[in-house]
Amino acid sequence: MSCMIPIFCIQPLVENAIVHGLEPKNGKGKLIVQAIPTDEDDF
């Protein structure tokens, strides 16, 4: 199974994570973006 997700769907999520999660931190931070395939029965 393969699925393509348009970048403009992921970009706002990443930007919000950076602005609201990483920028306010003092020191280093880490943002991990991960796509995990699931079985069709999970939907």
PDB file of N, CA and C in Angstrom:
ATOM      1  N   MET A   1       0.838  -1.167   0.000  1.00  0.00           N
ATOM      2  CA  MET A   1       0.000   0.000   0.000  1.00  0.00           C
ATOM      3  C   MET A   1       0.890   1.240   0.000  1.00  0.00           C
ATOM      4  N   SER A   2       0.586   2.167  -0.847  1.00  0.00           N
ATOM      5  CA  SER A   2       1.319   3.424  -0.827  1.00  0.00           C
ATOM      6  C   SER A   2       0.316   4.568  -0.897  1.00  0.00           C
ATOM      7  N   CYS A   3       0.701   5.653  -0.323  1.00  0.00           N
ATOM      8  CA  CYS A   3      -0.182   6.813  -0.273  1.00  0.00           C
ATOM      9  C   CYS A   3       0.691   8.055  -0.312  1.00  0.00           C
ATOM     10  N   MET A   4       0.333   8.980  -1.164  1.00  0.00           N
ATOM     11  CA  MET A   4       1.065  10.248  -1.217  1.00  0.00           C
ATOM     12  C   MET A   4       0.242  11.306  -0.487  1.00  0.00           C
ATOM     13  N   ILE A   5       0.926  12.067   0.363  1.00  0.00           N
ATOM     14  CA  ILE A   5       0.284  13.141   1.108  1.00  0.00           C
ATOM     15  C   ILE A   5       0.864  14.459   0.627  1.00  0.00           C
ATOM     16  N   PRO A   6       0.023  15.374   0.155  1.00  0.00           N
ATOM     17  CA  PRO A   6       0.545  16.667  -0.313  1.00  0.00           C
ATOM     18  C   PRO A   6       1.284  17.396   0.806  1.00  0.00           C
ATOM     19  N   ILE A   7       2.379  18.024   0.443  1.00  0.00           N
ATOM     20  CA  ILE A   7       3.226  18.701   1.430  1.00  0.00           C
ATOM     21  C   ILE A   7       2.456  19.779   2.180  1.00  0.00           C
ATOM     22  N   PHE A   8       1.499  20.427   1.517  1.00  0.00           N
ATOM     23  CA  PHE A   8       0.771  21.499   2.182  1.00  0.00           C
ATOM     24  C   PHE A   8      -0.155  20.983   3.282  1.00  0.00           C
ATOM     25  N   CYS A   9      -0.340  19.681   3.385  1.00  0.00           N
ATOM     26  CA  CYS A   9      -1.105  19.107   4.506  1.00  0.00           C
ATOM     27  C   CYS A   9      -0.216  18.908   5.728  1.00  0.00           C
ATOM     28  N   ILE A  10       1.036  18.640   5.513  1.00  0.00           N
ATOM     29  CA  ILE A  10       1.967  18.373   6.618  1.00  0.00           C
ATOM     30  C   ILE A  10       2.623  19.664   7.113  1.00  0.00           C
ATOM     31  N   GLN A  11       2.867  20.600   6.213  1.00  0.00           N
ATOM     32  CA  GLN A  11       3.591  21.819   6.547  1.00  0.00           C
ATOM     33  C   GLN A  11       2.996  22.589   7.732  1.00  0.00           C
ATOM     34  N   PRO A  12       1.677  22.829   7.792  1.00  0.00           N
ATOM     35  CA  PRO A  12       1.147  23.572   8.945  1.00  0.00           C
ATOM     36  C   PRO A  12       1.365  22.850  10.276  1.00  0.00           C
ATOM     37  N   LEU A  13       1.311  21.534  10.266  1.00  0.00           N
ATOM     38  CA  LEU A  13       1.553  20.787  11.503  1.00  0.00           C
ATOM     39  C   LEU A  13       2.985  20.963  11.983  1.00  0.00           C
ATOM     40  N   VAL A  14       3.922  20.901  11.049  1.00  0.00           N
ATOM     41  CA  VAL A  14       5.333  21.064  11.401  1.00  0.00           C
ATOM     42  C   VAL A  14       5.604  22.493  11.858  1.00  0.00           C
ATOM     43  N   GLU A  15       5.044  23.471  11.148  1.00  0.00           N
ATOM     44  CA  GLU A  15       5.251  24.871  11.525  1.00  0.00           C
ATOM     45  C   GLU A  15       4.703  25.155  12.923  1.00  0.00           C
ATOM     46  N   ASN A  16       3.508  24.646  13.229  1.00  0.00           N
ATOM     47  CA  ASN A  16       2.941  24.859  14.562  1.00  0.00           C
ATOM     48  C   ASN A  16       3.775  24.193  15.644  1.00  0.00           C
ATOM     49  N   ALA A  17       4.304  23.026  15.344  1.00  0.00           N
ATOM     50  CA  ALA A  17       5.151  22.341  16.318  1.00  0.00           C
ATOM     51  C   ALA A  17       6.410  23.156  16.603  1.00  0.00           C
ATOM     52  N   ILE A  18       6.951  23.770  15.570  1.00  0.00           N
ATOM     53  CA  ILE A  18       8.155  24.584  15.755  1.00  0.00           C
ATOM     54  C   ILE A  18       7.831  25.859  16.525  1.00  0.00           C
ATOM     55  N   VAL A  19       6.805  26.591  16.072  1.00  0.00           N
ATOM     56  CA  VAL A  19       6.475  27.883  16.674  1.00  0.00           C
ATOM     57  C   VAL A  19       6.013  27.731  18.126  1.00  0.00           C
ATOM     58  N   HIS A  20       5.155  26.772  18.393  1.00  0.00           N
ATOM     59  CA  HIS A  20       4.564  26.656  19.723  1.00  0.00           C
ATOM     60  C   HIS A  20       5.282  25.657  20.627  1.00  0.00           C
ATOM     61  N   GLY A  21       6.105  24.803  20.041  1.00  0.00           N
ATOM     62  CA  GLY A  21       6.774  23.791  20.843  1.00  0.00           C
ATOM     63  C   GLY A  21       8.257  24.011  21.017  1.00  0.00           C
ATOM     64  N   LEU A  22       8.944  24.305  19.919  1.00  0.00           N
ATOM     65  CA  LEU A  22      10.403  24.379  19.982  1.00  0.00           C
ATOM     66  C   LEU A  22      10.929  25.787  20.235  1.00  0.00           C
ATOM     67  N   GLU A  23      10.331  26.795  19.624  1.00  0.00           N
ATOM     68  CA  GLU A  23      10.853  28.155  19.794  1.00  0.00           C
ATOM     69  C   GLU A  23      10.823  28.624  21.245  1.00  0.00           C
ATOM     70  N   PRO A  24       9.749  28.339  22.004  1.00  0.00           N
ATOM     71  CA  PRO A  24       9.731  28.810  23.404  1.00  0.00           C
ATOM     72  C   PRO A  24      10.731  28.097  24.317  1.00  0.00           C
ATOM     73  N   LYS A  25      11.269  26.964  23.887  1.00  0.00           N
ATOM     74  CA  LYS A  25      12.188  26.201  24.738  1.00  0.00           C
ATOM     75  C   LYS A  25      13.526  26.910  24.884  1.00  0.00           C
ATOM     76  N   ASN A  26      14.099  26.760  26.046  1.00  0.00           N
ATOM     77  CA  ASN A  26      15.488  27.163  26.243  1.00  0.00           C
ATOM     78  C   ASN A  26      16.344  25.957  25.933  1.00  0.00           C
ATOM     79  N   GLY A  27      17.312  26.110  25.076  1.00  0.00           N
ATOM     80  CA  GLY A  27      18.173  24.991  24.730  1.00  0.00           C
ATOM     81  C   GLY A  27      17.704  24.279  23.483  1.00  0.00           C
ATOM     82  N   LYS A  28      18.157  23.054  23.345  1.00  0.00           N
ATOM     83  CA  LYS A  28      17.878  22.282  22.141  1.00  0.00           C
ATOM     84  C   LYS A  28      16.512  21.618  22.215  1.00  0.00           C
ATOM     85  N   GLY A  29      15.997  21.315  21.036  1.00  0.00           N
ATOM     86  CA  GLY A  29      14.747  20.574  20.933  1.00  0.00           C
ATOM     87  C   GLY A  29      14.836  19.639  19.741  1.00  0.00           C
ATOM     88  N   LYS A  30      13.887  18.751  19.648  1.00  0.00           N
ATOM     89  CA  LYS A  30      13.889  17.797  18.549  1.00  0.00           C
ATOM     90  C   LYS A  30      12.457  17.636  18.055  1.00  0.00           C
ATOM     91  N   LEU A  31      12.290  17.692  16.744  1.00  0.00           N
ATOM     92  CA  LEU A  31      10.994  17.460  16.121  1.00  0.00           C
ATOM     93  C   LEU A  31      11.128  16.246  15.221  1.00  0.00           C
ATOM     94  N   ILE A  32      10.310  15.248  15.460  1.00  0.00           N
ATOM     95  CA  ILE A  32      10.333  14.028  14.664  1.00  0.00           C
ATOM     96  C   ILE A  32       9.013  13.927  13.916  1.00  0.00           C
ATOM     97  N   VAL A  33       9.103  13.830  12.602  1.00  0.00           N
ATOM     98  CA  VAL A  33       7.920  13.625  11.771  1.00  0.00           C
ATOM     99  C   VAL A  33       7.991  12.197  11.258  1.00  0.00           C
ATOM    100  N   GLN A  34       6.952  11.426  11.561  1.00  0.00           N
ATOM    101  CA  GLN A  34       6.979  10.010  11.227  1.00  0.00           C
ATOM    102  C   GLN A  34       5.636   9.607  10.629  1.00  0.00           C
ATOM    103  N   ALA A  35       5.692   8.865   9.537  1.00  0.00           N
ATOM    104  CA  ALA A  35       4.480   8.311   8.923  1.00  0.00           C
ATOM    105  C   ALA A  35       4.513   6.804   9.131  1.00  0.00           C
ATOM    106  N   ILE A  36       3.437   6.274   9.671  1.00  0.00           N
ATOM    107  CA  ILE A  36       3.381   4.862   9.988  1.00  0.00           C
ATOM    108  C   ILE A  36       2.226   4.226   9.223  1.00  0.00           C
ATOM    109  N   PRO A  37       2.530   3.224   8.402  1.00  0.00           N
ATOM    110  CA  PRO A  37       1.448   2.549   7.688  1.00  0.00           C
ATOM    111  C   PRO A  37       0.586   1.742   8.654  1.00  0.00           C
ATOM    112  N   THR A  38      -0.710   1.711   8.384  1.00  0.00           N
ATOM    113  CA  THR A  38      -1.614   0.944   9.220  1.00  0.00           C
ATOM    114  C   THR A  38      -2.418  -0.007   8.355  1.00  0.00           C
ATOM    115  N   ASP A  39      -3.050  -0.959   8.978  1.00  0.00           N
ATOM    116  CA  ASP A  39      -3.934  -1.869   8.252  1.00  0.00           C
ATOM    117  C   ASP A  39      -5.215  -1.131   7.874  1.00  0.00           C
ATOM    118  N   GLU A  40      -5.828  -1.554   6.786  1.00  0.00           N
ATOM    119  CA  GLU A  40      -7.075  -0.924   6.361  1.00  0.00           C
ATOM    120  C   GLU A  40      -8.173  -1.109   7.400  1.00  0.00           C
ATOM    121  N   ASP A  41      -8.080  -2.149   8.226  1.00  0.00           N
ATOM    122  CA  ASP A  41      -9.088  -2.409   9.251  1.00  0.00           C
ATOM    123  C   ASP A  41      -9.070  -1.369  10.354  1.00  0.00           C
ATOM    124  N   ASP A  42      -7.991  -0.596  10.447  1.00  0.00           N
ATOM    125  CA  ASP A  42      -7.870   0.407  11.506  1.00  0.00           C
ATOM    126  C   ASP A  42      -8.747   1.622  11.274  1.00  0.00           C
ATOM    127  N   PHE A  43      -9.282   1.780  10.085  1.00  0.00           N
ATOM    128  CA  PHE A  43     -10.063   2.980   9.766  1.00  0.00           C
ATOM    129  C   PHE A  43     -11.491   2.827  10.105  1.00  0.00           C
TER     130      PHE A  43
END
